Protein backbone atom coordinates (compact mmCIF):
# COMPACT_ATOMS: atom_id res chain seq x y z
CA UNK A 1 -0.06 -0.05 0.01
CA UNK A 2 1.21 3.62 -0.89
CA UNK A 3 1.86 6.06 2.14
CA UNK A 4 -1.07 8.03 1.14
CA UNK A 5 -3.43 5.26 1.18
CA UNK A 6 -2.04 4.34 4.53
CA UNK A 7 -2.89 7.73 5.84
CA UNK A 8 -6.15 8.01 4.45
CA UNK A 9 -7.17 4.70 6.04
CA UNK A 10 -5.58 5.77 9.36
CA UNK A 11 -7.41 9.07 9.41
CA UNK A 12 -10.76 7.13 8.55
CA UNK A 13 -10.24 4.96 11.54
CA UNK A 14 -9.92 8.08 13.81
CA UNK A 15 -13.01 9.45 12.16
CA UNK A 16 -15.06 6.33 12.87
CA UNK A 17 -13.99 6.39 16.37
CA UNK A 18 -15.45 9.87 16.86
CA UNK A 19 -18.48 9.29 14.35
CA UNK A 20 -21.10 9.92 17.07
CA UNK A 21 -24.65 10.41 16.03
CA UNK A 22 -23.72 11.47 12.49
CA UNK A 23 -25.56 8.51 11.15
CA UNK A 24 -28.88 10.08 12.07
CA UNK A 25 -28.27 13.24 9.83
CA UNK A 26 -31.05 13.30 7.21
CA UNK A 27 -30.23 13.32 3.48
CA UNK A 28 -31.46 16.72 2.71
CA UNK A 29 -28.89 19.32 3.78
CA UNK A 30 -30.00 21.10 7.12
CA UNK A 31 -29.41 24.75 5.91
CA UNK A 32 -31.18 24.25 2.48
CA UNK A 33 -28.47 25.82 0.28
CA UNK A 34 -25.63 24.72 -2.08
CA UNK A 35 -22.00 25.72 -3.14
CA UNK A 36 -20.50 25.33 -6.50
CA UNK A 37 -16.94 25.70 -5.92
CA UNK A 38 -13.36 24.97 -7.15
CA UNK A 39 -11.54 21.75 -6.31
CA UNK A 40 -8.37 23.83 -5.34
CA UNK A 41 -6.98 21.97 -2.24
CA UNK A 42 -6.45 25.32 -0.50
CA UNK A 43 -10.16 26.04 -0.40
CA UNK A 44 -12.15 24.51 2.42
CA UNK A 45 -15.84 25.48 2.05
CA UNK A 46 -16.74 24.25 5.53
CA UNK A 47 -14.19 26.53 7.10
CA UNK A 48 -14.97 29.55 4.91
CA UNK A 49 -18.90 29.15 4.91
CA UNK A 50 -19.16 27.94 8.43
CA UNK A 51 -20.56 24.56 7.54
CA UNK A 52 -20.74 21.32 9.50
CA UNK A 53 -21.50 17.90 8.17
CA UNK A 54 -25.29 17.72 6.94
CA UNK A 55 -25.47 21.67 6.48
CA UNK A 56 -25.18 22.03 2.64
CA UNK A 57 -24.30 20.46 -0.49
CA UNK A 58 -20.79 21.18 -1.87
CA UNK A 59 -20.20 20.81 -5.57
CA UNK A 60 -16.67 20.92 -6.59
CA UNK A 61 -14.90 20.78 -10.08
CA UNK A 62 -11.84 22.37 -11.81
CA UNK A 63 -12.56 26.17 -11.48
CA UNK A 64 -16.05 25.73 -9.85
CA UNK A 65 -17.45 25.93 -13.36
CA UNK A 66 -21.32 25.77 -14.29
CA UNK A 67 -20.53 22.57 -16.23
CA UNK A 68 -23.44 20.53 -17.35
CA UNK A 69 -22.74 18.00 -14.63
CA UNK A 70 -22.50 20.69 -11.86
CA UNK A 71 -25.98 21.98 -12.98
CA UNK A 72 -27.30 18.44 -12.88
CA UNK A 73 -26.07 18.32 -9.37
CA UNK A 74 -27.51 21.64 -8.47
CA UNK A 75 -30.94 20.48 -10.03
CA UNK A 76 -30.95 17.38 -7.90
CA UNK A 77 -30.05 19.28 -4.87
CA UNK A 78 -33.03 21.41 -5.45
CA UNK A 79 -35.65 19.21 -6.90
CA UNK A 80 -34.99 16.02 -4.70
CA UNK A 81 -33.40 17.51 -1.75
CA UNK A 82 -34.93 20.94 -1.09
CA UNK A 83 -32.02 23.61 -1.33
CA UNK A 84 -33.43 26.99 -1.95
CA UNK A 85 -30.25 29.02 -2.56
CA UNK A 86 -27.08 28.45 -4.35
CA UNK A 87 -23.68 30.09 -4.40
CA UNK A 88 -21.04 30.20 -7.11
CA UNK A 89 -17.60 30.66 -5.55
CA UNK A 90 -14.38 31.01 -7.74
CA UNK A 91 -11.18 32.00 -6.17
CA UNK A 92 -8.03 33.88 -6.81
CA UNK A 93 -4.82 32.50 -8.22
CA UNK A 94 -7.05 29.63 -10.05
CA UNK A 95 -4.97 27.27 -11.96
CA UNK A 96 -7.80 27.39 -14.76
CA UNK A 97 -6.40 30.98 -15.49
CA UNK A 98 -2.97 29.50 -16.51
CA UNK A 99 -3.98 27.67 -19.66
CA UNK A 100 -6.31 27.73 -22.63
CA UNK A 101 -8.41 24.93 -24.25
CA UNK A 102 -5.54 24.88 -26.92
CA UNK A 103 -2.72 24.45 -24.27
CA UNK A 104 -4.51 21.76 -22.78
CA UNK A 105 -5.38 20.12 -26.03
CA UNK A 106 -1.80 20.25 -27.19
CA UNK A 107 -0.37 18.86 -23.84
CA UNK A 108 -2.79 16.00 -23.66
CA UNK A 109 -2.10 15.28 -27.56
CA UNK A 110 1.53 14.71 -27.02
CA UNK A 111 1.49 12.82 -23.68
CA UNK A 112 -0.93 11.91 -20.96
CA UNK A 113 1.75 12.06 -18.28
CA UNK A 114 1.98 14.94 -15.79
CA UNK A 115 3.12 18.35 -17.35
CA UNK A 116 5.13 20.98 -15.68
CA UNK A 117 4.93 24.77 -15.52
CA UNK A 118 7.41 27.40 -15.13
CA UNK A 119 7.60 31.17 -16.00
CA UNK A 120 7.48 30.21 -19.61
CA UNK A 121 4.13 28.43 -19.51
CA UNK A 122 3.33 24.68 -19.41
CA UNK A 123 5.52 22.06 -20.89
CA UNK A 124 4.86 18.58 -21.56
CA UNK A 125 7.46 15.73 -20.97
CA UNK A 126 6.60 14.43 -24.42
CA UNK A 127 6.82 10.79 -23.24
CA UNK A 128 3.69 9.84 -25.20
CA UNK A 129 1.34 8.37 -26.11
CA UNK A 130 -1.14 11.22 -26.12
CA UNK A 131 -4.60 11.39 -27.22
CA UNK A 132 -6.63 13.49 -29.60
CA UNK A 133 -9.76 13.23 -27.41
CA UNK A 134 -8.93 16.44 -25.71
CA UNK A 135 -10.02 18.41 -28.64
CA UNK A 136 -13.78 17.50 -27.83
CA UNK A 137 -13.65 18.83 -24.39
CA UNK A 138 -14.54 22.43 -23.30
CA UNK A 139 -12.21 22.94 -20.48
CA UNK A 140 -13.84 25.86 -19.31
CA UNK A 141 -10.88 27.93 -18.70
CA UNK A 142 -10.78 31.21 -16.85
CA UNK A 143 -9.51 34.69 -18.43
CA UNK A 144 -11.08 36.73 -15.65
CA UNK A 145 -12.67 35.67 -12.31
CA UNK A 146 -15.42 38.34 -12.21
CA UNK A 147 -16.38 37.39 -15.73
CA UNK A 148 -16.60 33.76 -15.13
CA UNK A 149 -18.48 34.11 -12.10
CA UNK A 150 -21.13 36.27 -14.04
CA UNK A 151 -21.26 33.82 -16.87
CA UNK A 152 -21.81 30.82 -14.54
CA UNK A 153 -24.41 32.65 -12.63
CA UNK A 154 -26.08 33.59 -15.83
CA UNK A 155 -25.82 29.95 -17.14
CA UNK A 156 -27.58 28.66 -14.14
CA UNK A 157 -30.21 31.29 -13.84
CA UNK A 158 -31.17 30.85 -17.53
CA UNK A 159 -31.08 27.16 -17.72
CA UNK A 160 -34.23 25.61 -18.28
CA UNK A 161 -34.44 23.11 -15.60
CA UNK A 162 -33.64 25.74 -12.80
CA UNK A 163 -36.76 27.44 -11.42
CA UNK A 164 -36.71 31.21 -11.45
CA UNK A 165 -37.36 31.25 -7.61
CA UNK A 166 -33.83 30.18 -6.52
CA UNK A 167 -31.33 32.92 -5.83
CA UNK A 168 -27.84 32.34 -7.26
CA UNK A 169 -25.14 34.52 -5.44
CA UNK A 170 -21.68 34.98 -7.14
CA UNK A 171 -18.42 35.39 -5.08
CA UNK A 172 -14.75 34.99 -5.45
CA UNK A 173 -12.64 33.61 -2.54
CA UNK A 174 -9.65 35.54 -1.86
CA UNK A 175 -6.74 32.97 -1.42
CA UNK A 176 -4.54 35.48 0.23
CA UNK A 177 -7.09 36.69 2.98
CA UNK A 178 -9.88 34.01 3.18
CA UNK A 179 -12.51 36.50 2.31
CA UNK A 180 -15.59 36.02 0.15
CA UNK A 181 -15.87 38.94 -2.23
CA UNK A 182 -19.12 39.55 -3.99
CA UNK A 183 -19.59 39.87 -7.61
CA UNK A 184 -22.22 42.42 -7.54
CA UNK A 185 -23.13 41.71 -11.39
CA UNK A 186 -23.28 38.10 -10.84
CA UNK A 187 -25.49 38.44 -7.74
CA UNK A 188 -27.74 40.86 -9.64
CA UNK A 189 -28.29 38.33 -12.46
CA UNK A 190 -28.95 35.70 -9.83
CA UNK A 191 -31.89 37.57 -7.87
CA UNK A 192 -35.14 36.16 -7.79
CA UNK A 193 -37.12 38.14 -10.08
């Protein structure tokens, strides 16, 4: 077993010992809201949003983008589990700002191994094989955080499966301070009409 696997399993044993009455938590989130945010390891939605287990749904992907799958999860969160408010939270210093679709497609086209980045940009190890399949994926990269939050809130609010009565708030998490910074244009679009 790997060192990481051993650490995870040891942590889980400790968690089980202190599990307490968490088995009694209901399936619907107790505070009736959901957060769509980035998978970045520096973000801890439980801490920055004051969550405990059972409070809210947290949907994470690269960039915290309103992909089809993220919207699928939000719709399930509302329709079957009763969330009534949603947050879209992107963050500063996001890795999704460091490449474009073309860069990602080129990197994956030459090799499936891990790439490296330096001051000159992304570099591939060129130890093929690669795959052309990357050209069929919209990688949802980010050029401007405020614009991407606005774009995602707008996409969610305009989606035909999203009821108009759900407010969607737009924020950027500041990785330097931990502060949530409102994107007023996104929150305006996300208001209930």
